[in-house]
PDB file of N, CA and C in Angstrom:
ATOM      1  N   MET A   1      -1.906  -5.364 -19.941  1.00  0.00           N
ATOM      2  CA  MET A   1      -1.962  -6.318 -19.273  1.00  0.00           C
ATOM      3  C   MET A   1      -2.788  -5.818 -18.622  1.00  0.00           C
ATOM      4  N   HIS A   2      -4.115  -6.719 -17.826  1.00  0.00           N
ATOM      5  CA  HIS A   2      -4.829  -5.619 -16.958  1.00  0.00           C
ATOM      6  C   HIS A   2      -4.383  -5.828 -15.083  1.00  0.00           C
ATOM      7  N   ALA A   3      -4.183  -6.920 -15.083  1.00  0.00           N
ATOM      8  CA  ALA A   3      -3.349  -6.965 -13.523  1.00  0.00           C
ATOM      9  C   ALA A   3      -1.976  -7.161 -13.525  1.00  0.00           C
ATOM     10  N   GLY A   4      -1.072  -8.390 -14.155  1.00  0.00           N
ATOM     11  CA  GLY A   4       0.445  -8.718 -14.271  1.00  0.00           C
ATOM     12  C   GLY A   4       0.743  -9.848 -15.175  1.00  0.00           C
ATOM     13  N   VAL A   5       1.794 -10.179 -15.155  1.00  0.00           N
ATOM     14  CA  VAL A   5       2.360 -11.405 -15.557  1.00  0.00           C
ATOM     15  C   VAL A   5       3.187 -12.214 -14.799  1.00  0.00           C
ATOM     16  N   HIS A   6       3.135 -13.748 -14.844  1.00  0.00           N
ATOM     17  CA  HIS A   6       3.838 -14.567 -14.315  1.00  0.00           C
ATOM     18  C   HIS A   6       5.175 -14.124 -14.293  1.00  0.00           C
ATOM     19  N   PRO A   7       6.106 -13.924 -13.587  1.00  0.00           N
ATOM     20  CA  PRO A   7       7.204 -13.409 -13.878  1.00  0.00           C
ATOM     21  C   PRO A   7       8.247 -14.426 -14.224  1.00  0.00           C
ATOM     22  N   LEU A   8       7.870 -15.900 -14.134  1.00  0.00           N
ATOM     23  CA  LEU A   8       8.581 -16.898 -14.540  1.00  0.00           C
ATOM     24  C   LEU A   8       8.470 -16.996 -16.142  1.00  0.00           C
ATOM     25  N   LEU A   9       7.306 -16.635 -16.518  1.00  0.00           N
ATOM     26  CA  LEU A   9       6.965 -17.250 -17.226  1.00  0.00           C
ATOM     27  C   LEU A   9       6.369 -15.929 -18.855  1.00  0.00           C
ATOM     28  N   GLY A  10       6.262 -15.182 -18.181  1.00  0.00           N
ATOM     29  CA  GLY A  10       5.850 -13.788 -19.050  1.00  0.00           C
ATOM     30  C   GLY A  10       4.539 -14.376 -19.569  1.00  0.00           C
ATOM     31  N   PRO A  11       4.488 -13.200 -20.029  1.00  0.00           N
ATOM     32  CA  PRO A  11       3.247 -12.460 -21.236  1.00  0.00           C
ATOM     33  C   PRO A  11       2.235 -13.788 -21.487  1.00  0.00           C
ATOM     34  N   ALA A  12       3.149 -14.477 -22.459  1.00  0.00           N
ATOM     35  CA  ALA A  12       2.397 -15.395 -23.077  1.00  0.00           C
ATOM     36  C   ALA A  12       2.236 -16.658 -22.398  1.00  0.00           C
ATOM     37  N   GLY A  13       2.996 -16.756 -21.328  1.00  0.00           N
ATOM     38  CA  GLY A  13       2.794 -17.831 -20.332  1.00  0.00           C
ATOM     39  C   GLY A  13       1.942 -18.079 -19.254  1.00  0.00           C
ATOM     40  N   THR A  14       1.582 -16.708 -18.950  1.00  0.00           N
ATOM     41  CA  THR A  14       0.481 -16.355 -17.961  1.00  0.00           C
ATOM     42  C   THR A  14      -0.910 -16.823 -17.959  1.00  0.00           C
ATOM     43  N   PRO A  15      -1.156 -17.468 -17.151  1.00  0.00           N
ATOM     44  CA  PRO A  15      -2.334 -18.003 -16.837  1.00  0.00           C
ATOM     45  C   PRO A  15      -3.626 -17.017 -17.154  1.00  0.00           C
ATOM     46  N   ARG A  16      -4.995 -16.938 -17.598  1.00  0.00           N
ATOM     47  CA  ARG A  16      -5.674 -16.001 -17.950  1.00  0.00           C
ATOM     48  C   ARG A  16      -5.835 -15.163 -16.507  1.00  0.00           C
ATOM     49  N   HIS A  17      -5.943 -16.321 -15.596  1.00  0.00           N
ATOM     50  CA  HIS A  17      -6.790 -15.701 -14.182  1.00  0.00           C
ATOM     51  C   HIS A  17      -5.691 -14.895 -13.505  1.00  0.00           C
ATOM     52  N   MET A  18      -4.328 -15.196 -13.900  1.00  0.00           N
ATOM     53  CA  MET A  18      -3.326 -14.176 -13.402  1.00  0.00           C
ATOM     54  C   MET A  18      -3.130 -12.991 -13.935  1.00  0.00           C
ATOM     55  N   ALA A  19      -3.289 -12.826 -15.303  1.00  0.00           N
ATOM     56  CA  ALA A  19      -3.255 -11.453 -15.705  1.00  0.00           C
ATOM     57  C   ALA A  19      -4.316 -10.680 -15.356  1.00  0.00           C
ATOM     58  N   ILE A  20      -5.383 -11.021 -14.998  1.00  0.00           N
ATOM     59  CA  ILE A  20      -6.821 -10.515 -14.720  1.00  0.00           C
ATOM     60  C   ILE A  20      -6.316  -9.404 -13.414  1.00  0.00           C
ATOM     61  N   HIS A  21      -5.831 -10.723 -12.358  1.00  0.00           N
ATOM     62  CA  HIS A  21      -6.000 -10.600 -10.869  1.00  0.00           C
ATOM     63  C   HIS A  21      -4.693 -10.524 -10.135  1.00  0.00           C
ATOM     64  N   LEU A  22      -3.709 -11.148 -10.828  1.00  0.00           N
ATOM     65  CA  LEU A  22      -2.139 -10.892 -10.141  1.00  0.00           C
ATOM     66  C   LEU A  22      -1.585  -9.905  -9.512  1.00  0.00           C
ATOM     67  N   ARG A  23      -1.462  -9.879  -8.107  1.00  0.00           N
ATOM     68  CA  ARG A  23      -1.014  -8.666  -7.805  1.00  0.00           C
ATOM     69  C   ARG A  23       0.303  -9.148  -7.169  1.00  0.00           C
ATOM     70  N   ARG A  24       0.398  -9.772  -6.222  1.00  0.00           N
ATOM     71  CA  ARG A  24       1.326 -10.503  -5.620  1.00  0.00           C
ATOM     72  C   ARG A  24       2.038 -12.004  -5.779  1.00  0.00           C
ATOM     73  N   PHE A  25       3.175 -12.432  -5.807  1.00  0.00           N
ATOM     74  CA  PHE A  25       3.316 -13.554  -6.377  1.00  0.00           C
ATOM     75  C   PHE A  25       4.575 -14.223  -5.498  1.00  0.00           C
ATOM     76  N   PRO A  26       4.150 -15.810  -5.264  1.00  0.00           N
ATOM     77  CA  PRO A  26       3.394 -16.477  -6.203  1.00  0.00           C
ATOM     78  C   PRO A  26       1.773 -16.354  -5.737  1.00  0.00           C
ATOM     79  N   ASP A  27       1.093 -15.829  -4.476  1.00  0.00           N
ATOM     80  CA  ASP A  27       0.257 -16.119  -4.165  1.00  0.00           C
ATOM     81  C   ASP A  27      -0.506 -14.564  -3.979  1.00  0.00           C
ATOM     82  N   ASP A  28      -1.408 -13.967  -4.028  1.00  0.00           N
ATOM     83  CA  ASP A  28      -2.344 -12.819  -3.666  1.00  0.00           C
ATOM     84  C   ASP A  28      -2.443 -13.184  -2.225  1.00  0.00           C
ATOM     85  N   ARG A  29      -2.741 -14.083  -1.704  1.00  0.00           N
ATOM     86  CA  ARG A  29      -3.912 -14.370  -0.498  1.00  0.00           C
ATOM     87  C   ARG A  29      -2.053 -13.842   0.640  1.00  0.00           C
ATOM     88  N   GLN A  30      -0.980 -14.031   0.313  1.00  0.00           N
ATOM     89  CA  GLN A  30      -0.100 -13.921   1.558  1.00  0.00           C
ATOM     90  C   GLN A  30       0.666 -12.058   1.539  1.00  0.00           C
ATOM     91  N   ALA A  31       0.033 -11.450   2.158  1.00  0.00           N
ATOM     92  CA  ALA A  31       0.415  -9.907   2.100  1.00  0.00           C
ATOM     93  C   ALA A  31       1.775  -9.737   2.207  1.00  0.00           C
ATOM     94  N   ASP A  32       2.937 -10.622   2.207  1.00  0.00           N
ATOM     95  CA  ASP A  32       4.110 -10.905   2.695  1.00  0.00           C
ATOM     96  C   ASP A  32       5.121 -11.354   1.314  1.00  0.00           C
ATOM     97  N   ASN A  33       4.116 -11.541   0.417  1.00  0.00           N
ATOM     98  CA  ASN A  33       4.342 -12.050  -0.990  1.00  0.00           C
ATOM     99  C   ASN A  33       5.430 -10.657  -1.851  1.00  0.00           C
ATOM    100  N   PRO A  34       6.337 -10.833  -2.526  1.00  0.00           N
ATOM    101  CA  PRO A  34       6.409  -9.856  -3.252  1.00  0.00           C
ATOM    102  C   PRO A  34       5.513  -9.211  -4.211  1.00  0.00           C
ATOM    103  N   PHE A  35       5.553  -7.935  -4.701  1.00  0.00           N
ATOM    104  CA  PHE A  35       4.515  -7.951  -6.031  1.00  0.00           C
ATOM    105  C   PHE A  35       4.981  -8.267  -7.273  1.00  0.00           C
ATOM    106  N   TRP A  36       4.509  -8.917  -8.635  1.00  0.00           N
ATOM    107  CA  TRP A  36       5.020  -9.933  -9.513  1.00  0.00           C
ATOM    108  C   TRP A  36       6.106  -9.176 -10.259  1.00  0.00           C
ATOM    109  N   TYR A  37       6.085  -7.655 -10.296  1.00  0.00           N
ATOM    110  CA  TYR A  37       7.204  -6.901 -10.656  1.00  0.00           C
ATOM    111  C   TYR A  37       8.712  -6.606  -9.784  1.00  0.00           C
ATOM    112  N   ASP A  38       8.343  -7.119  -8.338  1.00  0.00           N
ATOM    113  CA  ASP A  38       9.411  -7.121  -7.810  1.00  0.00           C
ATOM    114  C   ASP A  38       9.802  -8.602  -7.544  1.00  0.00           C
ATOM    115  N   ALA A  39       9.665  -9.764  -8.181  1.00  0.00           N
ATOM    116  CA  ALA A  39       9.340 -11.082  -7.877  1.00  0.00           C
ATOM    117  C   ALA A  39      10.467 -11.845  -9.397  1.00  0.00           C
ATOM    118  N   GLY A  40      11.402 -10.994  -9.712  1.00  0.00           N
ATOM    119  CA  GLY A  40      12.753 -11.463 -10.682  1.00  0.00           C
ATOM    120  C   GLY A  40      12.003 -11.133 -12.247  1.00  0.00           C
ATOM    121  N   TRP A  41      10.590 -10.267 -12.450  1.00  0.00           N
ATOM    122  CA  TRP A  41      10.460  -9.869 -13.839  1.00  0.00           C
ATOM    123  C   TRP A  41      11.483  -9.401 -14.041  1.00  0.00           C
ATOM    124  N   THR A  42      11.929  -9.566 -15.391  1.00  0.00           N
ATOM    125  CA  THR A  42      13.178  -8.627 -16.338  1.00  0.00           C
ATOM    126  C   THR A  42      12.751  -9.045 -17.620  1.00  0.00           C
ATOM    127  N   GLY A  43      12.002  -9.086 -18.108  1.00  0.00           N
ATOM    128  CA  GLY A  43      11.262  -9.312 -19.291  1.00  0.00           C
ATOM    129  C   GLY A  43      10.943  -8.082 -19.906  1.00  0.00           C
ATOM    130  N   PRO A  44      10.443  -8.015 -20.984  1.00  0.00           N
ATOM    131  CA  PRO A  44      10.138  -6.754 -22.084  1.00  0.00           C
ATOM    132  C   PRO A  44       9.369  -5.938 -20.751  1.00  0.00           C
ATOM    133  N   LEU A  45       8.767  -4.782 -21.442  1.00  0.00           N
ATOM    134  CA  LEU A  45       8.007  -4.145 -20.576  1.00  0.00           C
ATOM    135  C   LEU A  45       6.406  -4.046 -20.585  1.00  0.00           C
ATOM    136  N   VAL A  46       6.133  -4.076 -19.282  1.00  0.00           N
ATOM    137  CA  VAL A  46       4.469  -4.634 -19.409  1.00  0.00           C
ATOM    138  C   VAL A  46       3.655  -3.524 -18.657  1.00  0.00           C
ATOM    139  N   VAL A  47       2.721  -3.082 -19.408  1.00  0.00           N
ATOM    140  CA  VAL A  47       2.383  -1.805 -18.838  1.00  0.00           C
ATOM    141  C   VAL A  47       0.965  -2.516 -18.073  1.00  0.00           C
ATOM    142  N   PHE A  48       0.724  -1.893 -16.877  1.00  0.00           N
ATOM    143  CA  PHE A  48      -0.401  -3.037 -16.271  1.00  0.00           C
ATOM    144  C   PHE A  48      -1.245  -1.349 -15.320  1.00  0.00           C
ATOM    145  N   GLY A  49      -2.335  -2.055 -14.846  1.00  0.00           N
ATOM    146  CA  GLY A  49      -3.319  -1.327 -13.881  1.00  0.00           C
ATOM    147  C   GLY A  49      -3.974  -2.157 -12.759  1.00  0.00           C
ATOM    148  N   HIS A  50      -4.876  -1.744 -12.080  1.00  0.00           N
ATOM    149  CA  HIS A  50      -5.330  -3.161 -11.249  1.00  0.00           C
ATOM    150  C   HIS A  50      -5.093  -3.032 -10.121  1.00  0.00           C
ATOM    151  N   ASP A  51      -4.280  -1.589  -9.808  1.00  0.00           N
ATOM    152  CA  ASP A  51      -3.820  -1.631  -8.493  1.00  0.00           C
ATOM    153  C   ASP A  51      -3.837  -0.259  -8.139  1.00  0.00           C
ATOM    154  N   ALA A  52      -5.038   0.335  -7.680  1.00  0.00           N
ATOM    155  CA  ALA A  52      -5.137   1.697  -7.015  1.00  0.00           C
ATOM    156  C   ALA A  52      -4.339   2.096  -6.082  1.00  0.00           C
ATOM    157  N   MET A  53      -4.216   0.864  -5.001  1.00  0.00           N
ATOM    158  CA  MET A  53      -3.731   1.199  -3.652  1.00  0.00           C
ATOM    159  C   MET A  53      -2.046   1.412  -3.578  1.00  0.00           C
ATOM    160  N   ARG A  54      -1.270   1.017  -4.755  1.00  0.00           N
ATOM    161  CA  ARG A  54      -0.031   0.941  -4.931  1.00  0.00           C
ATOM    162  C   ARG A  54       0.221   2.579  -5.877  1.00  0.00           C
ATOM    163  N   GLY A  55      -0.605   2.979  -6.482  1.00  0.00           N
ATOM    164  CA  GLY A  55      -0.283   4.008  -7.089  1.00  0.00           C
ATOM    165  C   GLY A  55       0.671   4.148  -8.579  1.00  0.00           C
ATOM    166  N   LEU A  56       1.235   5.235  -9.088  1.00  0.00           N
ATOM    167  CA  LEU A  56       2.077   4.707 -10.182  1.00  0.00           C
ATOM    168  C   LEU A  56       3.178   4.131  -9.934  1.00  0.00           C
ATOM    169  N   VAL A  57       3.426   2.719 -10.299  1.00  0.00           N
ATOM    170  CA  VAL A  57       4.694   2.101 -10.757  1.00  0.00           C
ATOM    171  C   VAL A  57       5.399   1.923 -11.422  1.00  0.00           C
ATOM    172  N   ARG A  58       7.206   2.469 -11.410  1.00  0.00           N
ATOM    173  CA  ARG A  58       7.815   2.006 -12.606  1.00  0.00           C
ATOM    174  C   ARG A  58       9.169   1.426 -12.095  1.00  0.00           C
ATOM    175  N   ARG A  59       9.474  -0.154 -12.633  1.00  0.00           N
ATOM    176  CA  ARG A  59      10.559  -0.666 -12.250  1.00  0.00           C
ATOM    177  C   ARG A  59      11.481  -0.916 -13.834  1.00  0.00           C
ATOM    178  N   GLN A  60      12.804  -1.249 -13.540  1.00  0.00           N
ATOM    179  CA  GLN A  60      13.850  -1.214 -14.673  1.00  0.00           C
ATOM    180  C   GLN A  60      14.431  -2.165 -14.279  1.00  0.00           C
ATOM    181  N   HIS A  61      15.524  -3.076 -15.206  1.00  0.00           N
ATOM    182  CA  HIS A  61      16.528  -3.633 -14.785  1.00  0.00           C
ATOM    183  C   HIS A  61      17.824  -3.466 -15.990  1.00  0.00           C
ATOM    184  N   GLU A  62      18.603  -3.027 -15.330  1.00  0.00           N
ATOM    185  CA  GLU A  62      19.652  -3.046 -15.895  1.00  0.00           C
ATOM    186  C   GLU A  62      19.420  -1.887 -17.206  1.00  0.00           C
ATOM    187  N   GLY A  63      18.784  -0.590 -16.755  1.00  0.00           N
ATOM    188  CA  GLY A  63      18.164   0.367 -17.285  1.00  0.00           C
ATOM    189  C   GLY A  63      17.197   0.562 -18.152  1.00  0.00           C
ATOM    190  N   ARG A  64      16.608  -0.487 -18.245  1.00  0.00           N
ATOM    191  CA  ARG A  64      15.526  -0.953 -19.052  1.00  0.00           C
ATOM    192  C   ARG A  64      14.217  -1.053 -18.415  1.00  0.00           C
ATOM    193  N   PRO A  65      13.015  -0.238 -19.072  1.00  0.00           N
ATOM    194  CA  PRO A  65      11.907  -0.218 -18.283  1.00  0.00           C
ATOM    195  C   PRO A  65      11.408  -1.688 -18.243  1.00  0.00           C
ATOM    196  N   THR A  66      10.952  -2.208 -17.012  1.00  0.00           N
ATOM    197  CA  THR A  66      10.256  -3.719 -17.228  1.00  0.00           C
ATOM    198  C   THR A  66       8.777  -3.896 -16.894  1.00  0.00           C
ATOM    199  N   ALA A  67       8.488  -2.836 -15.988  1.00  0.00           N
ATOM    200  CA  ALA A  67       7.249  -2.150 -15.395  1.00  0.00           C
ATOM    201  C   ALA A  67       6.670  -1.136 -15.465  1.00  0.00           C
ATOM    202  N   LEU A  68       5.448  -0.879 -15.808  1.00  0.00           N
ATOM    203  CA  LEU A  68       4.901   0.449 -15.702  1.00  0.00           C
ATOM    204  C   LEU A  68       3.551   0.128 -15.137  1.00  0.00           C
ATOM    205  N   GLY A  69       3.106   0.627 -13.921  1.00  0.00           N
ATOM    206  CA  GLY A  69       1.673   0.332 -13.181  1.00  0.00           C
ATOM    207  C   GLY A  69       1.309   1.666 -13.419  1.00  0.00           C
ATOM    208  N   LEU A  70      -0.006   1.909 -14.235  1.00  0.00           N
ATOM    209  CA  LEU A  70      -0.918   3.610 -14.848  1.00  0.00           C
ATOM    210  C   LEU A  70      -2.163   3.807 -13.493  1.00  0.00           C
ATOM    211  N   ASP A  71      -2.267   2.634 -12.573  1.00  0.00           N
ATOM    212  CA  ASP A  71      -3.551   3.115 -11.867  1.00  0.00           C
ATOM    213  C   ASP A  71      -3.020   3.784 -10.723  1.00  0.00           C
ATOM    214  N   THR A  72      -4.061   5.664 -11.215  1.00  0.00           N
ATOM    215  CA  THR A  72      -3.993   5.727 -10.354  1.00  0.00           C
ATOM    216  C   THR A  72      -4.952   6.782  -9.582  1.00  0.00           C
ATOM    217  N   ALA A  73      -5.876   5.810  -9.050  1.00  0.00           N
ATOM    218  CA  ALA A  73      -7.093   5.417  -8.604  1.00  0.00           C
ATOM    219  C   ALA A  73      -7.916   6.844  -8.648  1.00  0.00           C
ATOM    220  N   CYS A  74      -8.241   6.593 -10.021  1.00  0.00           N
ATOM    221  CA  CYS A  74      -9.434   7.939 -10.490  1.00  0.00           C
ATOM    222  C   CYS A  74     -10.841   7.476  -9.968  1.00  0.00           C
ATOM    223  N   VAL A  75     -11.046   6.012  -9.995  1.00  0.00           N
ATOM    224  CA  VAL A  75     -12.430   5.932  -9.823  1.00  0.00           C
ATOM    225  C   VAL A  75     -12.537   6.124  -7.863  1.00  0.00           C
ATOM    226  N   TYR A  76     -11.544   6.288  -7.392  1.00  0.00           N
ATOM    227  CA  TYR A  76     -11.830   6.641  -5.679  1.00  0.00           C
ATOM    228  C   TYR A  76     -11.536   8.487  -5.751  1.00  0.00           C
ATOM    229  N   GLY A  77     -11.302   8.839  -7.023  1.00  0.00           N
ATOM    230  CA  GLY A  77     -11.065  10.238  -6.658  1.00  0.00           C
ATOM    231  C   GLY A  77      -9.285  11.233  -7.504  1.00  0.00           C
ATOM    232  N   GLY A  78      -8.792   9.778  -7.394  1.00  0.00           N
ATOM    233  CA  GLY A  78      -7.338  10.210  -7.810  1.00  0.00           C
ATOM    234  C   GLY A  78      -7.346  10.597  -9.074  1.00  0.00           C
ATOM    235  N   ALA A  79      -6.542  10.469 -10.099  1.00  0.00           N
ATOM    236  CA  ALA A  79      -6.399  10.724 -11.103  1.00  0.00           C
ATOM    237  C   ALA A  79      -6.478   9.614 -12.220  1.00  0.00           C
ATOM    238  N   LEU A  80      -6.495   9.650 -13.540  1.00  0.00           N
ATOM    239  CA  LEU A  80      -6.584   9.426 -15.253  1.00  0.00           C
ATOM    240  C   LEU A  80      -5.012   9.025 -15.520  1.00  0.00           C
ATOM    241  N   THR A  81      -4.514   8.307 -15.256  1.00  0.00           N
ATOM    242  CA  THR A  81      -3.184   8.696 -15.774  1.00  0.00           C
ATOM    243  C   THR A  81      -2.754   7.948 -17.534  1.00  0.00           C
ATOM    244  N   GLY A  82      -2.282   8.401 -18.611  1.00  0.00           N
ATOM    245  CA  GLY A  82      -1.874   7.493 -19.446  1.00  0.00           C
ATOM    246  C   GLY A  82      -0.396   7.695 -19.805  1.00  0.00           C
ATOM    247  N   TRP A  83       0.113   7.417 -20.380  1.00  0.00           N
ATOM    248  CA  TRP A  83       1.421   7.122 -21.129  1.00  0.00           C
ATOM    249  C   TRP A  83       1.933   7.131 -22.456  1.00  0.00           C
ATOM    250  N   LEU A  84       2.356   8.505 -22.681  1.00  0.00           N
ATOM    251  CA  LEU A  84       2.891   8.253 -24.900  1.00  0.00           C
ATOM    252  C   LEU A  84       4.149   7.488 -24.632  1.00  0.00           C
ATOM    253  N   ARG A  85       4.132   6.386 -25.134  1.00  0.00           N
ATOM    254  CA  ARG A  85       5.135   5.612 -25.569  1.00  0.00           C
ATOM    255  C   ARG A  85       6.468   6.052 -26.376  1.00  0.00           C
ATOM    256  N   GLY A  86       6.072   6.870 -27.488  1.00  0.00           N
ATOM    257  CA  GLY A  86       6.998   7.201 -28.330  1.00  0.00           C
ATOM    258  C   GLY A  86       8.016   8.676 -27.334  1.00  0.00           C
ATOM    259  N   GLU A  87       7.178   9.327 -26.558  1.00  0.00           N
ATOM    260  CA  GLU A  87       7.782  10.094 -25.537  1.00  0.00           C
ATOM    261  C   GLU A  87       8.239   9.773 -24.076  1.00  0.00           C
ATOM    262  N   ASP A  88       7.968   8.887 -23.960  1.00  0.00           N
ATOM    263  CA  ASP A  88       7.903   8.045 -22.188  1.00  0.00           C
ATOM    264  C   ASP A  88       7.782   9.220 -21.260  1.00  0.00           C
ATOM    265  N   ARG A  89       6.403   9.421 -21.574  1.00  0.00           N
ATOM    266  CA  ARG A  89       5.878  10.512 -20.737  1.00  0.00           C
ATOM    267  C   ARG A  89       4.663  10.227 -20.157  1.00  0.00           C
ATOM    268  N   LEU A  90       4.188  10.626 -18.902  1.00  0.00           N
ATOM    269  CA  LEU A  90       3.018  10.404 -18.317  1.00  0.00           C
ATOM    270  C   LEU A  90       2.113  11.712 -18.296  1.00  0.00           C
ATOM    271  N   ILE A  91       1.137  11.880 -18.487  1.00  0.00           N
ATOM    272  CA  ILE A  91       0.011  12.606 -18.579  1.00  0.00           C
ATOM    273  C   ILE A  91      -1.361  11.806 -17.270  1.00  0.00           C
ATOM    274  N   SER A  92      -1.159  13.048 -16.951  1.00  0.00           N
ATOM    275  CA  SER A  92      -2.516  13.131 -16.089  1.00  0.00           C
ATOM    276  C   SER A  92      -3.364  13.886 -15.773  1.00  0.00           C
ATOM    277  N   VAL A  93      -4.741  13.572 -15.537  1.00  0.00           N
ATOM    278  CA  VAL A  93      -6.047  14.356 -15.391  1.00  0.00           C
ATOM    279  C   VAL A  93      -6.803  13.607 -13.986  1.00  0.00           C
ATOM    280  N   ALA A  94      -6.599  14.829 -13.236  1.00  0.00           N
ATOM    281  CA  ALA A  94      -7.345  15.176 -11.778  1.00  0.00           C
ATOM    282  C   ALA A  94      -8.719  14.584 -12.422  1.00  0.00           C
ATOM    283  N   ALA A  95      -9.890  13.004 -11.213  1.00  0.00           N
ATOM    284  CA  ALA A  95     -11.102  12.723 -11.606  1.00  0.00           C
ATOM    285  C   ALA A  95     -11.564  13.741 -11.035  1.00  0.00           C
ATOM    286  N   ARG A  96     -13.055  14.152 -11.600  1.00  0.00           N
ATOM    287  CA  ARG A  96     -13.829  15.319 -11.185  1.00  0.00           C
ATOM    288  C   ARG A  96     -14.368  14.697  -9.593  1.00  0.00           C
ATOM    289  N   ARG A  97     -14.222  13.189  -9.456  1.00  0.00           N
ATOM    290  CA  ARG A  97     -14.963  13.171  -8.187  1.00  0.00           C
ATOM    291  C   ARG A  97     -14.573  11.852  -8.119  1.00  0.00           C
ATOM    292  N   ALA A  98     -14.744  11.086  -6.779  1.00  0.00           N
ATOM    293  CA  ALA A  98     -14.519   9.886  -6.383  1.00  0.00           C
ATOM    294  C   ALA A  98     -16.115   9.106  -7.187  1.00  0.00           C
ATOM    295  N   TYR A  99     -15.910   8.161  -7.834  1.00  0.00           N
ATOM    296  CA  TYR A  99     -16.981   7.358  -8.275  1.00  0.00           C
ATOM    297  C   TYR A  99     -17.239   5.992  -7.315  1.00  0.00           C
ATOM    298  N   CYS A 100     -16.272   5.768  -6.795  1.00  0.00           N
ATOM    299  CA  CYS A 100     -16.502   4.583  -5.646  1.00  0.00           C
ATOM    300  C   CYS A 100     -15.960   4.853  -4.158  1.00  0.00           C
ATOM    301  N   PRO A 101     -16.422   4.568  -2.907  1.00  0.00           N
ATOM    302  CA  PRO A 101     -15.551   4.908  -1.942  1.00  0.00           C
ATOM    303  C   PRO A 101     -14.455   3.993  -1.656  1.00  0.00           C
ATOM    304  N   VAL A 102     -13.607   3.980  -1.476  1.00  0.00           N
ATOM    305  CA  VAL A 102     -12.526   3.523  -1.084  1.00  0.00           C
ATOM    306  C   VAL A 102     -12.481   1.987  -0.143  1.00  0.00           C
ATOM    307  N   GLY A 103     -12.684   1.126  -0.431  1.00  0.00           N
ATOM    308  CA  GLY A 103     -12.809  -0.252   0.270  1.00  0.00           C
ATOM    309  C   GLY A 103     -13.335  -0.994  -0.002  1.00  0.00           C
TER     310      GLY A 103
END
């Protein structure tokens, strides 16, 4: 998933624009709205990016992973992070430089 899923409809019911842009639910324009993964999502694991300012995100429900955010700000000079599913292990490589200014 690029950005997120509708926490009530799941991946199959998430409209395209939400899958691409969603951070907060139900509306990104309200800074006090919860992030989609904290707004009731208890479904299967969703691996996502598109949120460099939040960094690495891991959420669980009843001991089962439900959300994994891998955006660790490589473009801003942070790191590129990948996930080895079979080992449930993260690998990060530092960016060689910042490719874009923050903001």
